[in-house]
Amino acid sequence: MKKWRLLKTGYSSAALNMGIDQAVLEARSRDESPCTLRVYEWRPSAISIGYFQSMNEEVDVPVCDEMGVDLVRRITGGGAVYHDEKGEVTYSIIFKEGDLDLPERVQDAYGPLCQGIVDGLKELDMNAEFKPINDITVAGKKISGNAQTRKMGCILQHGTLLYDVDARTMFKLLLVPNEKIRDKMIAGVEERVTSIRHETGNKASIEDVEDALIEGFSSALGIELEPGELTEKEMARAEEVAREKYGSKKWNFKR
């Protein structure tokens, strides 16, 4: 069984969270760090947008500023995501393209990697399913969304697992044409999205969810996860790109 590094980095700002992912990706590409599974949270709450999106077209920036919500652009694609500091566990998995036997196409690789989330939710007694291209559902409702990129000969996939859902706050932060449409969108989310707290009746803690994800990825990928820490070089690089890239208007408002 292959040994991978497990990082539990806890709560960080949006810029630092994205900086850590990039630093680990770069280190793995140079064989300076092992294959890595990371689980983490966001503080303060944040909105992340996909690489190809426009911050000003997707997000109500003044409201986010007023509410103290972080803003960041990801290096992965996809849509805008609200990361509630009380309502989400996030993971990232970083490895070289030859480290796992995966399909070549990104769309086809989501299934095997997302199986870790499916297996993790089984640990919490939830019957989850993978829904192509990149979602996980429970009882037909979305509970996880995922995004992937391939750079420097490596694969980075990260995704969210909803611990709780606050649709009203989310739609305060995202740009919506008018109040009538906002109400319809909130109702739509409540019909189509679920959370771990809802499905387990508040029985699972954030720590329980992290542990379940770790077990799930270990089982699904056939790997042994050994607790580790960021290297000094990784942490220095993460802080550098958090400050100069992910915390900058040049990057976050580039489109």
Protein backbone atom coordinates (compact mmCIF):
# COMPACT_ATOMS: atom_id res chain seq x y z
CA MET A 1 0.00 0.00 0.00
CA LYS A 2 1.43 3.37 -1.04
CA LYS A 3 2.10 5.87 1.73
CA TRP A 4 0.81 9.42 1.27
CA ARG A 5 1.11 12.47 3.50
CA LEU A 6 -1.95 13.67 5.39
CA LEU A 7 -2.18 17.38 6.17
CA LYS A 8 -4.82 18.72 8.56
CA THR A 9 -4.19 22.45 8.27
CA GLY A 10 -7.33 23.69 10.02
CA TYR A 11 -8.66 27.22 9.46
CA SER A 12 -6.89 29.69 7.18
CA SER A 13 -7.71 32.73 5.09
CA ALA A 14 -8.81 32.24 1.48
CA ALA A 15 -5.48 33.52 0.14
CA LEU A 16 -3.44 31.20 2.36
CA ASN A 17 -5.65 28.20 1.61
CA MET A 18 -5.07 28.64 -2.11
CA GLY A 19 -1.40 29.42 -1.47
CA ILE A 20 -0.91 26.14 0.38
CA ASP A 21 -2.48 24.17 -2.47
CA GLN A 22 -0.14 25.85 -4.97
CA ALA A 23 2.95 25.39 -2.79
CA VAL A 24 2.28 21.67 -2.32
CA LEU A 25 1.59 21.27 -6.06
CA GLU A 26 4.90 22.90 -6.93
CA ALA A 27 6.81 20.86 -4.35
CA ARG A 28 5.29 17.59 -5.58
CA SER A 29 6.19 18.46 -9.17
CA ARG A 30 9.85 18.68 -8.09
CA ASP A 31 9.67 15.47 -6.01
CA GLU A 32 10.38 17.56 -2.91
CA SER A 33 7.13 16.48 -1.24
CA PRO A 34 5.07 13.28 -1.25
CA CYS A 35 1.59 12.72 -2.63
CA THR A 36 -0.69 14.61 -0.28
CA LEU A 37 -4.26 14.67 0.98
CA ARG A 38 -5.14 17.87 2.79
CA VAL A 39 -8.29 18.67 4.79
CA TYR A 40 -9.00 22.24 5.89
CA GLU A 41 -11.50 25.00 6.63
CA TRP A 42 -11.88 28.73 5.90
CA ARG A 43 -11.73 31.67 8.33
CA PRO A 44 -13.17 34.14 7.70
CA SER A 45 -15.87 32.84 5.39
CA ALA A 46 -15.00 33.35 1.74
CA ILE A 47 -16.17 33.35 -1.84
CA SER A 48 -13.90 31.62 -4.33
CA ILE A 49 -14.48 32.04 -8.04
CA GLY A 50 -13.33 29.78 -10.87
CA TYR A 51 -10.23 30.72 -12.83
CA PHE A 52 -12.19 31.88 -15.88
CA GLN A 53 -14.82 33.92 -14.02
CA SER A 54 -15.07 37.67 -13.39
CA MET A 55 -15.22 38.70 -9.73
CA ASN A 56 -17.30 41.80 -10.50
CA GLU A 57 -19.79 39.80 -12.56
CA GLU A 58 -20.27 37.01 -10.00
CA VAL A 59 -19.86 38.59 -6.57
CA ASP A 60 -21.37 41.54 -4.71
CA VAL A 61 -17.98 42.87 -3.69
CA PRO A 62 -19.18 45.78 -1.47
CA VAL A 63 -21.43 43.42 0.53
CA CYS A 64 -18.57 40.94 0.98
CA ASP A 65 -16.34 43.78 2.19
CA GLU A 66 -19.04 44.95 4.59
CA MET A 67 -19.55 41.43 6.00
CA GLY A 68 -15.83 40.65 6.23
CA VAL A 69 -15.96 37.85 3.67
CA ASP A 70 -12.72 36.95 1.88
CA LEU A 71 -12.52 36.89 -1.93
CA VAL A 72 -10.18 34.73 -4.00
CA ARG A 73 -9.73 33.35 -7.52
CA ARG A 74 -8.91 29.64 -7.75
CA ILE A 75 -6.49 28.10 -10.24
CA THR A 76 -9.20 25.53 -11.00
CA GLY A 77 -12.28 26.17 -13.12
CA GLY A 78 -15.94 25.98 -12.17
CA GLY A 79 -18.31 28.45 -10.58
CA ALA A 80 -18.40 30.74 -7.59
CA VAL A 81 -18.48 28.93 -4.24
CA TYR A 82 -19.42 30.24 -0.80
CA HIS A 83 -17.12 28.75 1.86
CA ASP A 84 -18.91 29.17 5.18
CA GLU A 85 -16.45 28.94 8.08
CA LYS A 86 -19.12 27.13 10.12
CA GLY A 87 -20.56 25.07 7.30
CA GLU A 88 -17.88 23.35 5.25
CA VAL A 89 -14.98 20.93 5.20
CA THR A 90 -12.68 21.26 2.19
CA TYR A 91 -10.11 18.81 0.86
CA SER A 92 -7.36 18.91 -1.73
CA ILE A 93 -5.51 15.96 -3.20
CA ILE A 94 -2.20 16.56 -4.96
CA PHE A 95 -0.06 13.99 -6.78
CA LYS A 96 1.93 13.37 -9.94
CA GLU A 97 0.02 12.12 -12.97
CA GLY A 98 1.72 8.71 -12.74
CA ASP A 99 1.12 8.25 -9.01
CA LEU A 100 -2.39 6.83 -9.53
CA ASP A 101 -3.84 4.80 -12.38
CA LEU A 102 -6.43 7.28 -13.66
CA PRO A 103 -8.12 7.99 -16.99
CA GLU A 104 -6.32 10.60 -19.07
CA ARG A 105 -9.31 12.91 -19.50
CA VAL A 106 -10.10 15.21 -16.59
CA GLN A 107 -13.82 14.47 -16.90
CA ASP A 108 -13.20 10.74 -16.56
CA ALA A 109 -10.80 11.08 -13.61
CA TYR A 110 -13.36 12.75 -11.34
CA GLY A 111 -15.18 9.48 -10.64
CA PRO A 112 -12.25 7.52 -9.17
CA LEU A 113 -11.06 10.49 -7.10
CA CYS A 114 -14.54 11.47 -5.88
CA GLN A 115 -15.04 7.89 -4.71
CA GLY A 116 -13.05 8.98 -1.66
CA ILE A 117 -15.88 11.35 -0.72
CA VAL A 118 -18.52 8.71 -1.42
CA ASP A 119 -16.70 6.22 0.82
CA GLY A 120 -16.17 8.91 3.45
CA LEU A 121 -19.88 9.68 3.62
CA LYS A 122 -20.56 5.96 4.06
CA GLU A 123 -18.47 6.22 7.22
CA LEU A 124 -21.12 8.70 8.41
CA ASP A 125 -23.93 6.28 7.44
CA MET A 126 -24.92 8.24 4.34
CA ASN A 127 -25.72 6.62 1.02
CA ALA A 128 -23.85 8.94 -1.35
CA GLU A 129 -23.47 8.78 -5.12
CA PHE A 130 -21.10 10.29 -7.64
CA LYS A 131 -22.94 12.38 -10.25
CA PRO A 132 -20.89 13.31 -13.33
CA ILE A 133 -19.20 15.52 -14.05
CA ASN A 134 -18.00 16.40 -10.54
CA ASP A 135 -20.74 16.33 -7.88
CA ILE A 136 -21.67 14.06 -4.98
CA THR A 137 -25.31 13.63 -3.97
CA VAL A 138 -27.18 12.18 -1.02
CA ALA A 139 -30.84 11.30 -1.51
CA GLY A 140 -30.68 13.06 -4.87
CA LYS A 141 -29.41 16.33 -3.37
CA LYS A 142 -25.95 17.84 -3.89
CA ILE A 143 -23.61 17.71 -0.91
CA SER A 144 -20.21 18.13 -2.59
CA GLY A 145 -18.75 19.94 -5.60
CA ASN A 146 -15.23 19.40 -6.96
CA ALA A 147 -12.76 21.01 -9.36
CA GLN A 148 -9.51 19.79 -10.92
CA THR A 149 -6.48 21.13 -12.74
CA ARG A 150 -3.35 19.56 -14.18
CA LYS A 151 -0.13 21.54 -14.06
CA MET A 152 3.60 20.76 -14.05
CA GLY A 153 2.91 17.06 -14.53
CA CYS A 154 0.70 16.99 -11.42
CA ILE A 155 -3.00 16.75 -10.63
CA LEU A 156 -4.68 18.98 -8.07
CA GLN A 157 -8.28 18.27 -7.19
CA HIS A 158 -10.04 20.14 -4.43
CA GLY A 159 -13.63 20.19 -3.34
CA THR A 160 -16.16 21.04 -0.70
CA LEU A 161 -18.25 18.91 1.60
CA LEU A 162 -21.23 20.79 2.98
CA TYR A 163 -21.51 20.55 6.75
CA ASP A 164 -24.35 23.07 6.85
CA VAL A 165 -26.15 25.26 4.28
CA ASP A 166 -26.86 28.98 4.65
CA ALA A 167 -28.47 29.82 1.29
CA ARG A 168 -29.66 33.26 2.38
CA THR A 169 -26.17 34.46 3.27
CA MET A 170 -24.76 32.93 0.10
CA PHE A 171 -27.17 34.86 -2.12
CA LYS A 172 -26.47 38.09 -0.25
CA LEU A 173 -22.87 37.72 -1.39
CA LEU A 174 -23.44 36.61 -4.98
CA LEU A 175 -24.85 38.92 -7.61
CA VAL A 176 -28.54 38.23 -8.26
CA PRO A 177 -30.70 40.33 -10.64
CA ASN A 178 -33.46 41.13 -8.15
CA GLU A 179 -35.14 40.11 -4.90
CA LYS A 180 -37.80 38.01 -6.62
CA ILE A 181 -35.20 35.92 -8.41
CA ARG A 182 -33.12 35.75 -5.22
CA ASP A 183 -36.05 34.19 -3.33
CA LYS A 184 -36.53 31.63 -6.10
CA MET A 185 -32.83 30.77 -6.07
CA ILE A 186 -32.84 30.33 -2.29
CA ALA A 187 -35.84 28.02 -2.54
CA GLY A 188 -34.08 26.13 -5.33
CA VAL A 189 -30.97 25.58 -3.25
CA GLU A 190 -33.03 24.34 -0.32
CA GLU A 191 -34.70 21.82 -2.65
CA ARG A 192 -31.55 20.63 -4.46
CA VAL A 193 -28.81 20.84 -1.80
CA THR A 194 -28.33 19.01 1.48
CA SER A 195 -25.75 18.96 4.28
CA ILE A 196 -24.16 16.59 6.74
CA ARG A 197 -25.92 18.25 9.69
CA HIS A 198 -29.28 17.78 7.98
CA GLU A 199 -28.63 14.18 6.97
CA THR A 200 -27.18 13.07 10.31
CA GLY A 201 -29.44 15.09 12.58
CA ASN A 202 -26.52 17.12 13.98
CA LYS A 203 -24.74 13.96 15.15
CA ALA A 204 -21.48 14.49 13.24
CA SER A 205 -18.91 17.15 14.19
CA ILE A 206 -16.44 18.88 11.84
CA GLU A 207 -13.76 16.54 13.23
CA ASP A 208 -15.96 13.52 12.49
CA VAL A 209 -16.31 14.70 8.90
CA GLU A 210 -12.55 15.18 8.51
CA ASP A 211 -11.91 11.69 9.89
CA ALA A 212 -14.53 10.20 7.57
CA LEU A 213 -12.96 11.89 4.52
CA ILE A 214 -9.54 10.57 5.50
CA GLU A 215 -10.88 7.02 5.83
CA GLY A 216 -12.80 7.39 2.57
CA PHE A 217 -9.82 8.48 0.48
CA SER A 218 -7.58 5.85 2.06
CA SER A 219 -10.09 3.13 1.16
CA ALA A 220 -11.00 4.38 -2.31
CA LEU A 221 -7.43 5.00 -3.49
CA GLY A 222 -5.78 2.11 -1.67
CA ILE A 223 -3.32 4.37 0.13
CA GLU A 224 -1.95 4.67 3.67
CA LEU A 225 -2.20 8.21 4.98
CA GLU A 226 0.50 9.25 7.42
CA PRO A 227 -0.02 12.50 9.39
CA GLY A 228 2.54 15.13 8.42
CA GLU A 229 3.25 18.84 8.31
CA LEU A 230 4.02 21.38 5.63
CA THR A 231 7.76 21.71 5.10
CA GLU A 232 9.40 25.05 5.89
CA LYS A 233 9.88 25.61 2.17
CA GLU A 234 6.22 24.85 1.40
CA MET A 235 5.00 27.17 4.14
CA ALA A 236 7.28 29.99 3.02
CA ARG A 237 6.11 29.57 -0.58
CA ALA A 238 2.45 29.38 0.50
CA GLU A 239 2.76 32.64 2.42
CA GLU A 240 4.56 34.27 -0.51
CA VAL A 241 1.91 33.41 -3.11
CA ALA A 242 -0.88 34.16 -0.62
CA ARG A 243 0.51 37.66 -0.23
CA GLU A 244 1.63 38.40 -3.78
CA LYS A 245 -0.94 36.46 -5.82
CA TYR A 246 -4.08 35.23 -4.06
CA GLY A 247 -4.32 38.29 -1.84
CA SER A 248 -3.88 40.73 -4.73
CA LYS A 249 -6.47 42.61 -6.74
CA LYS A 250 -4.38 42.00 -9.85
CA TRP A 251 -5.06 38.25 -9.58
CA ASN A 252 -8.53 38.25 -8.07
CA PHE A 253 -9.94 40.92 -10.39
CA LYS A 254 -7.98 39.98 -13.51
CA ARG A 255 -11.17 39.40 -15.54
